[in-house]
């Protein structure tokens, strides 16, 4: 519990001034998404937070709702727009998650909030990734991100939970900035988005 309180203080100290500084950029991106995709500007989805409790995550929209000839939603790679692709490659689509952090639903650093459907697929150890709030960035994100296998990423999340310190969070934040600038590890090779987790060792 003490760990959670310390992380919360660190989040507020960093996020409040960042939001002030980045507010013009948020408005510009929102305008570009509106021109590109119309309304709504934000993508909303229920994700598991601390101890698996559900919350609504916010991101800038990057994909259309295009349908194929059979009326099914097309694959992600066919729905990501040019502006959406740029937002994803620079991680700018994640900026609305600052509001999740302000609300206490997320932290700047922690295991990424994945899908609710994954909760029943985790092993007992893997479920411990929810012992801390989910993060905007994390240990897995600076160590290969989406280019690594699911078992590797979940093992990195568990390592983070077991070894958390304030200095580790600051290290992760510093390296994240460098990774974002270089656009490293955004997607799996040859994939527009990451493959789904299908359970133990998959």
C-alpha atoms as a PDB file:
ATOM      1  CA  UNK A   1       0.000   0.000   0.000  1.00  0.00           C
ATOM      2  CA  UNK A   2       2.876   2.377   0.791  1.00  0.00           C
ATOM      3  CA  UNK A   3       4.250   1.714  -2.683  1.00  0.00           C
ATOM      4  CA  UNK A   4       0.943   2.786  -4.240  1.00  0.00           C
ATOM      5  CA  UNK A   5       0.860   6.017  -2.208  1.00  0.00           C
ATOM      6  CA  UNK A   6       4.422   6.944  -3.197  1.00  0.00           C
ATOM      7  CA  UNK A   7       3.677   6.267  -6.871  1.00  0.00           C
ATOM      8  CA  UNK A   8       0.563   8.429  -6.627  1.00  0.00           C
ATOM      9  CA  UNK A   9       2.542  11.393  -5.278  1.00  0.00           C
ATOM     10  CA  UNK A  10       5.171  10.995  -8.001  1.00  0.00           C
ATOM     11  CA  UNK A  11       2.438  10.827 -10.673  1.00  0.00           C
ATOM     12  CA  UNK A  12       0.773  14.047  -9.526  1.00  0.00           C
ATOM     13  CA  UNK A  13       4.060  15.927  -9.188  1.00  0.00           C
ATOM     14  CA  UNK A  14       4.997  15.058 -12.772  1.00  0.00           C
ATOM     15  CA  UNK A  15       1.655  14.904 -14.597  1.00  0.00           C
ATOM     16  CA  UNK A  16       0.114  18.209 -13.468  1.00  0.00           C
ATOM     17  CA  UNK A  17       2.877  20.411 -14.947  1.00  0.00           C
ATOM     18  CA  UNK A  18       3.147  18.136 -17.988  1.00  0.00           C
ATOM     19  CA  UNK A  19      -0.533  18.607 -18.772  1.00  0.00           C
ATOM     20  CA  UNK A  20      -0.130  22.371 -18.633  1.00  0.00           C
ATOM     21  CA  UNK A  21       2.889  22.238 -20.939  1.00  0.00           C
ATOM     22  CA  UNK A  22       1.328  19.759 -23.363  1.00  0.00           C
ATOM     23  CA  UNK A  23      -2.200  21.213 -23.450  1.00  0.00           C
ATOM     24  CA  UNK A  24      -1.599  23.071 -26.774  1.00  0.00           C
ATOM     25  CA  UNK A  25      -0.322  19.823 -28.325  1.00  0.00           C
ATOM     26  CA  UNK A  26      -3.369  17.923 -27.040  1.00  0.00           C
ATOM     27  CA  UNK A  27      -5.666  20.490 -28.649  1.00  0.00           C
ATOM     28  CA  UNK A  28      -3.792  20.322 -31.968  1.00  0.00           C
ATOM     29  CA  UNK A  29      -3.938  16.516 -32.033  1.00  0.00           C
ATOM     30  CA  UNK A  30      -7.634  16.562 -31.135  1.00  0.00           C
ATOM     31  CA  UNK A  31      -8.277  18.944 -34.051  1.00  0.00           C
ATOM     32  CA  UNK A  32      -6.294  16.734 -36.470  1.00  0.00           C
ATOM     33  CA  UNK A  33      -8.158  13.598 -35.360  1.00  0.00           C
ATOM     34  CA  UNK A  34     -11.470  15.436 -35.830  1.00  0.00           C
ATOM     35  CA  UNK A  35     -10.458  16.428 -39.380  1.00  0.00           C
ATOM     36  CA  UNK A  36      -9.239  12.911 -40.125  1.00  0.00           C
ATOM     37  CA  UNK A  37     -11.899  10.732 -38.479  1.00  0.00           C
ATOM     38  CA  UNK A  38     -14.621  13.041 -37.208  1.00  0.00           C
ATOM     39  CA  UNK A  39     -16.302  12.401 -33.881  1.00  0.00           C
ATOM     40  CA  UNK A  40     -15.680  10.907 -31.425  1.00  0.00           C
ATOM     41  CA  UNK A  41     -12.101  12.137 -31.057  1.00  0.00           C
ATOM     42  CA  UNK A  42     -11.246   9.730 -28.258  1.00  0.00           C
ATOM     43  CA  UNK A  43     -11.113   5.939 -28.248  1.00  0.00           C
ATOM     44  CA  UNK A  44     -12.624   4.499 -25.073  1.00  0.00           C
ATOM     45  CA  UNK A  45     -12.303   0.946 -23.822  1.00  0.00           C
ATOM     46  CA  UNK A  46     -12.723  -0.873 -20.520  1.00  0.00           C
ATOM     47  CA  UNK A  47      -9.399  -2.159 -19.176  1.00  0.00           C
ATOM     48  CA  UNK A  48      -8.340  -3.817 -15.889  1.00  0.00           C
ATOM     49  CA  UNK A  49      -6.657  -1.534 -13.368  1.00  0.00           C
ATOM     50  CA  UNK A  50      -5.257  -2.062  -9.883  1.00  0.00           C
ATOM     51  CA  UNK A  51      -6.266  -5.537  -8.625  1.00  0.00           C
ATOM     52  CA  UNK A  52      -8.069  -6.066 -11.927  1.00  0.00           C
ATOM     53  CA  UNK A  53     -10.763  -3.459 -11.244  1.00  0.00           C
ATOM     54  CA  UNK A  54     -12.190  -2.156 -14.558  1.00  0.00           C
ATOM     55  CA  UNK A  55     -11.791   1.439 -15.684  1.00  0.00           C
ATOM     56  CA  UNK A  56     -12.238   3.298 -18.979  1.00  0.00           C
ATOM     57  CA  UNK A  57      -8.993   4.076 -20.785  1.00  0.00           C
ATOM     58  CA  UNK A  58      -8.774   7.079 -23.136  1.00  0.00           C
ATOM     59  CA  UNK A  59      -6.666   7.399 -26.276  1.00  0.00           C
ATOM     60  CA  UNK A  60      -6.837   9.455 -29.441  1.00  0.00           C
ATOM     61  CA  UNK A  61      -8.594   7.553 -32.231  1.00  0.00           C
ATOM     62  CA  UNK A  62      -6.294   6.228 -34.945  1.00  0.00           C
ATOM     63  CA  UNK A  63      -8.550   3.907 -36.980  1.00  0.00           C
ATOM     64  CA  UNK A  64     -11.678   4.074 -39.089  1.00  0.00           C
ATOM     65  CA  UNK A  65     -14.632   1.704 -38.686  1.00  0.00           C
ATOM     66  CA  UNK A  66     -14.352   0.491 -42.304  1.00  0.00           C
ATOM     67  CA  UNK A  67     -16.229  -2.711 -43.165  1.00  0.00           C
ATOM     68  CA  UNK A  68     -15.400  -5.375 -45.729  1.00  0.00           C
ATOM     69  CA  UNK A  69     -17.825  -6.608 -48.379  1.00  0.00           C
ATOM     70  CA  UNK A  70     -19.373  -8.999 -45.838  1.00  0.00           C
ATOM     71  CA  UNK A  71     -20.091  -6.237 -43.336  1.00  0.00           C
ATOM     72  CA  UNK A  72     -17.298  -7.200 -40.949  1.00  0.00           C
ATOM     73  CA  UNK A  73     -14.836  -4.699 -39.485  1.00  0.00           C
ATOM     74  CA  UNK A  74     -11.642  -4.830 -41.551  1.00  0.00           C
ATOM     75  CA  UNK A  75      -8.252  -5.795 -40.093  1.00  0.00           C
ATOM     76  CA  UNK A  76      -6.461  -3.099 -38.104  1.00  0.00           C
ATOM     77  CA  UNK A  77      -3.786  -2.596 -40.766  1.00  0.00           C
ATOM     78  CA  UNK A  78      -6.457  -1.540 -43.272  1.00  0.00           C
ATOM     79  CA  UNK A  79      -8.175   0.858 -40.861  1.00  0.00           C
ATOM     80  CA  UNK A  80      -5.264   2.892 -39.507  1.00  0.00           C
ATOM     81  CA  UNK A  81      -5.127   6.271 -41.228  1.00  0.00           C
ATOM     82  CA  UNK A  82      -1.930   8.145 -42.106  1.00  0.00           C
ATOM     83  CA  UNK A  83      -2.437  10.518 -39.209  1.00  0.00           C
ATOM     84  CA  UNK A  84      -3.361   7.571 -36.989  1.00  0.00           C
ATOM     85  CA  UNK A  85      -0.196   5.745 -38.004  1.00  0.00           C
ATOM     86  CA  UNK A  86       1.883   8.785 -37.122  1.00  0.00           C
ATOM     87  CA  UNK A  87       0.188   9.124 -33.731  1.00  0.00           C
ATOM     88  CA  UNK A  88       0.848   5.467 -32.986  1.00  0.00           C
ATOM     89  CA  UNK A  89       4.471   5.513 -34.149  1.00  0.00           C
ATOM     90  CA  UNK A  90       5.181   8.508 -31.902  1.00  0.00           C
ATOM     91  CA  UNK A  91       2.940   7.244 -29.043  1.00  0.00           C
ATOM     92  CA  UNK A  92       1.065  10.564 -29.151  1.00  0.00           C
ATOM     93  CA  UNK A  93      -2.214   8.629 -29.260  1.00  0.00           C
ATOM     94  CA  UNK A  94      -1.530   7.673 -25.613  1.00  0.00           C
ATOM     95  CA  UNK A  95      -1.503  11.255 -24.272  1.00  0.00           C
ATOM     96  CA  UNK A  96      -5.174  11.280 -23.108  1.00  0.00           C
ATOM     97  CA  UNK A  97      -4.138   8.626 -20.577  1.00  0.00           C
ATOM     98  CA  UNK A  98      -2.741  11.525 -18.541  1.00  0.00           C
ATOM     99  CA  UNK A  99      -6.363  12.074 -17.468  1.00  0.00           C
ATOM    100  CA  UNK A 100      -6.570   8.430 -16.349  1.00  0.00           C
ATOM    101  CA  UNK A 101      -3.459   9.104 -14.274  1.00  0.00           C
ATOM    102  CA  UNK A 102      -4.966  12.229 -12.725  1.00  0.00           C
ATOM    103  CA  UNK A 103      -8.062  10.196 -11.823  1.00  0.00           C
ATOM    104  CA  UNK A 104      -5.863   7.642 -10.039  1.00  0.00           C
ATOM    105  CA  UNK A 105      -6.819   4.856 -12.468  1.00  0.00           C
ATOM    106  CA  UNK A 106      -3.327   4.607 -13.932  1.00  0.00           C
ATOM    107  CA  UNK A 107       0.255   5.531 -13.088  1.00  0.00           C
ATOM    108  CA  UNK A 108       2.997   6.995 -15.259  1.00  0.00           C
ATOM    109  CA  UNK A 109       4.906   3.724 -14.881  1.00  0.00           C
ATOM    110  CA  UNK A 110       3.518   0.214 -14.509  1.00  0.00           C
ATOM    111  CA  UNK A 111       2.425  -2.804 -16.538  1.00  0.00           C
ATOM    112  CA  UNK A 112       0.373  -1.705 -19.523  1.00  0.00           C
ATOM    113  CA  UNK A 113      -3.421  -2.085 -19.096  1.00  0.00           C
ATOM    114  CA  UNK A 114      -4.376  -4.925 -21.424  1.00  0.00           C
ATOM    115  CA  UNK A 115      -7.801  -6.381 -22.253  1.00  0.00           C
ATOM    116  CA  UNK A 116     -10.393  -7.507 -19.723  1.00  0.00           C
ATOM    117  CA  UNK A 117     -10.656 -10.825 -21.580  1.00  0.00           C
ATOM    118  CA  UNK A 118      -7.054 -11.642 -20.679  1.00  0.00           C
ATOM    119  CA  UNK A 119      -7.758 -11.786 -16.938  1.00  0.00           C
ATOM    120  CA  UNK A 120      -8.952 -15.388 -17.070  1.00  0.00           C
ATOM    121  CA  UNK A 121      -5.960 -16.433 -19.194  1.00  0.00           C
ATOM    122  CA  UNK A 122      -3.179 -15.373 -16.815  1.00  0.00           C
ATOM    123  CA  UNK A 123      -1.314 -17.810 -14.604  1.00  0.00           C
ATOM    124  CA  UNK A 124      -1.255 -17.107 -10.865  1.00  0.00           C
ATOM    125  CA  UNK A 125       2.108 -15.335 -11.191  1.00  0.00           C
ATOM    126  CA  UNK A 126       1.001 -13.340 -14.241  1.00  0.00           C
ATOM    127  CA  UNK A 127      -2.016 -12.003 -12.354  1.00  0.00           C
ATOM    128  CA  UNK A 128       0.387 -10.250  -9.967  1.00  0.00           C
ATOM    129  CA  UNK A 129       0.998  -7.647 -12.681  1.00  0.00           C
ATOM    130  CA  UNK A 130      -2.200  -6.085 -11.290  1.00  0.00           C
ATOM    131  CA  UNK A 131      -0.677  -5.595  -7.816  1.00  0.00           C
ATOM    132  CA  UNK A 132       0.299  -2.079  -8.941  1.00  0.00           C
ATOM    133  CA  UNK A 133      -1.665   0.423 -11.058  1.00  0.00           C
ATOM    134  CA  UNK A 134      -1.262   0.011 -14.829  1.00  0.00           C
ATOM    135  CA  UNK A 135       1.124   2.446 -16.473  1.00  0.00           C
ATOM    136  CA  UNK A 136       1.504   4.751 -19.439  1.00  0.00           C
ATOM    137  CA  UNK A 137       4.905   3.115 -19.873  1.00  0.00           C
ATOM    138  CA  UNK A 138       6.645   0.242 -18.141  1.00  0.00           C
ATOM    139  CA  UNK A 139       9.617  -2.073 -17.812  1.00  0.00           C
ATOM    140  CA  UNK A 140       8.394  -4.237 -20.697  1.00  0.00           C
ATOM    141  CA  UNK A 141       7.939  -1.149 -22.900  1.00  0.00           C
ATOM    142  CA  UNK A 142      11.596  -0.128 -22.615  1.00  0.00           C
ATOM    143  CA  UNK A 143      12.812  -3.715 -23.065  1.00  0.00           C
ATOM    144  CA  UNK A 144      11.419  -4.585 -26.459  1.00  0.00           C
ATOM    145  CA  UNK A 145       7.794  -3.545 -26.100  1.00  0.00           C
ATOM    146  CA  UNK A 146       5.602  -5.216 -28.742  1.00  0.00           C
ATOM    147  CA  UNK A 147       8.533  -6.923 -30.468  1.00  0.00           C
ATOM    148  CA  UNK A 148       8.813  -9.428 -27.588  1.00  0.00           C
ATOM    149  CA  UNK A 149       6.699 -12.518 -26.984  1.00  0.00           C
ATOM    150  CA  UNK A 150       3.798 -12.444 -24.546  1.00  0.00           C
ATOM    151  CA  UNK A 151       5.552 -14.667 -21.961  1.00  0.00           C
ATOM    152  CA  UNK A 152       8.579 -12.340 -22.035  1.00  0.00           C
ATOM    153  CA  UNK A 153       6.471  -9.201 -21.637  1.00  0.00           C
ATOM    154  CA  UNK A 154       4.455 -10.647 -18.759  1.00  0.00           C
ATOM    155  CA  UNK A 155       7.655 -11.831 -17.061  1.00  0.00           C
ATOM    156  CA  UNK A 156       9.063  -8.295 -17.352  1.00  0.00           C
ATOM    157  CA  UNK A 157       5.864  -6.910 -15.801  1.00  0.00           C
ATOM    158  CA  UNK A 158       6.245  -9.298 -12.869  1.00  0.00           C
ATOM    159  CA  UNK A 159       9.911  -8.323 -12.440  1.00  0.00           C
ATOM    160  CA  UNK A 160       8.835  -4.681 -12.233  1.00  0.00           C
ATOM    161  CA  UNK A 161       6.210  -5.404  -9.561  1.00  0.00           C
ATOM    162  CA  UNK A 162       8.767  -7.299  -7.494  1.00  0.00           C
ATOM    163  CA  UNK A 163      11.585  -4.745  -7.865  1.00  0.00           C
ATOM    164  CA  UNK A 164       9.797  -1.387  -7.871  1.00  0.00           C
ATOM    165  CA  UNK A 165      11.567   1.715  -6.556  1.00  0.00           C
ATOM    166  CA  UNK A 166      11.158   5.436  -7.245  1.00  0.00           C
ATOM    167  CA  UNK A 167      14.552   5.412  -8.957  1.00  0.00           C
ATOM    168  CA  UNK A 168      13.396   2.558 -11.207  1.00  0.00           C
ATOM    169  CA  UNK A 169      10.328   4.575 -12.244  1.00  0.00           C
ATOM    170  CA  UNK A 170      12.492   7.605 -13.039  1.00  0.00           C
ATOM    171  CA  UNK A 171      14.869   5.397 -15.042  1.00  0.00           C
ATOM    172  CA  UNK A 172      11.961   3.924 -17.025  1.00  0.00           C
ATOM    173  CA  UNK A 173      10.537   7.390 -17.744  1.00  0.00           C
ATOM    174  CA  UNK A 174      13.916   8.653 -18.973  1.00  0.00           C
ATOM    175  CA  UNK A 175      14.494   5.673 -21.260  1.00  0.00           C
ATOM    176  CA  UNK A 176      10.885   5.873 -22.513  1.00  0.00           C
ATOM    177  CA  UNK A 177      11.473   9.389 -23.828  1.00  0.00           C
ATOM    178  CA  UNK A 178      14.503   8.126 -25.767  1.00  0.00           C
ATOM    179  CA  UNK A 179      12.587   5.123 -27.111  1.00  0.00           C
ATOM    180  CA  UNK A 180       9.663   7.275 -28.246  1.00  0.00           C
ATOM    181  CA  UNK A 181      11.994   9.688 -30.048  1.00  0.00           C
ATOM    182  CA  UNK A 182      13.554   6.730 -31.875  1.00  0.00           C
ATOM    183  CA  UNK A 183      10.142   5.039 -32.397  1.00  0.00           C
ATOM    184  CA  UNK A 184      11.465   1.679 -31.218  1.00  0.00           C
ATOM    185  CA  UNK A 185       9.351  -1.447 -30.644  1.00  0.00           C
ATOM    186  CA  UNK A 186       5.980   0.038 -31.548  1.00  0.00           C
ATOM    187  CA  UNK A 187       4.666  -3.023 -33.392  1.00  0.00           C
ATOM    188  CA  UNK A 188       5.585  -6.606 -34.043  1.00  0.00           C
ATOM    189  CA  UNK A 189       7.524  -6.995 -37.305  1.00  0.00           C
ATOM    190  CA  UNK A 190       5.119  -7.108 -40.245  1.00  0.00           C
ATOM    191  CA  UNK A 191       2.103  -6.292 -38.069  1.00  0.00           C
ATOM    192  CA  UNK A 192       0.136  -3.051 -37.739  1.00  0.00           C
ATOM    193  CA  UNK A 193      -0.901  -3.988 -34.208  1.00  0.00           C
ATOM    194  CA  UNK A 194       0.189  -6.580 -31.676  1.00  0.00           C
ATOM    195  CA  UNK A 195      -1.098 -10.173 -31.713  1.00  0.00           C
ATOM    196  CA  UNK A 196      -3.664 -11.076 -29.049  1.00  0.00           C
ATOM    197  CA  UNK A 197      -2.658 -12.943 -25.894  1.00  0.00           C
ATOM    198  CA  UNK A 198      -4.183 -16.416 -25.963  1.00  0.00           C
ATOM    199  CA  UNK A 199      -2.948 -17.814 -22.665  1.00  0.00           C
ATOM    200  CA  UNK A 200      -0.127 -19.663 -20.892  1.00  0.00           C
ATOM    201  CA  UNK A 201       2.955 -19.696 -23.020  1.00  0.00           C
ATOM    202  CA  UNK A 202       1.111 -18.686 -26.181  1.00  0.00           C
END
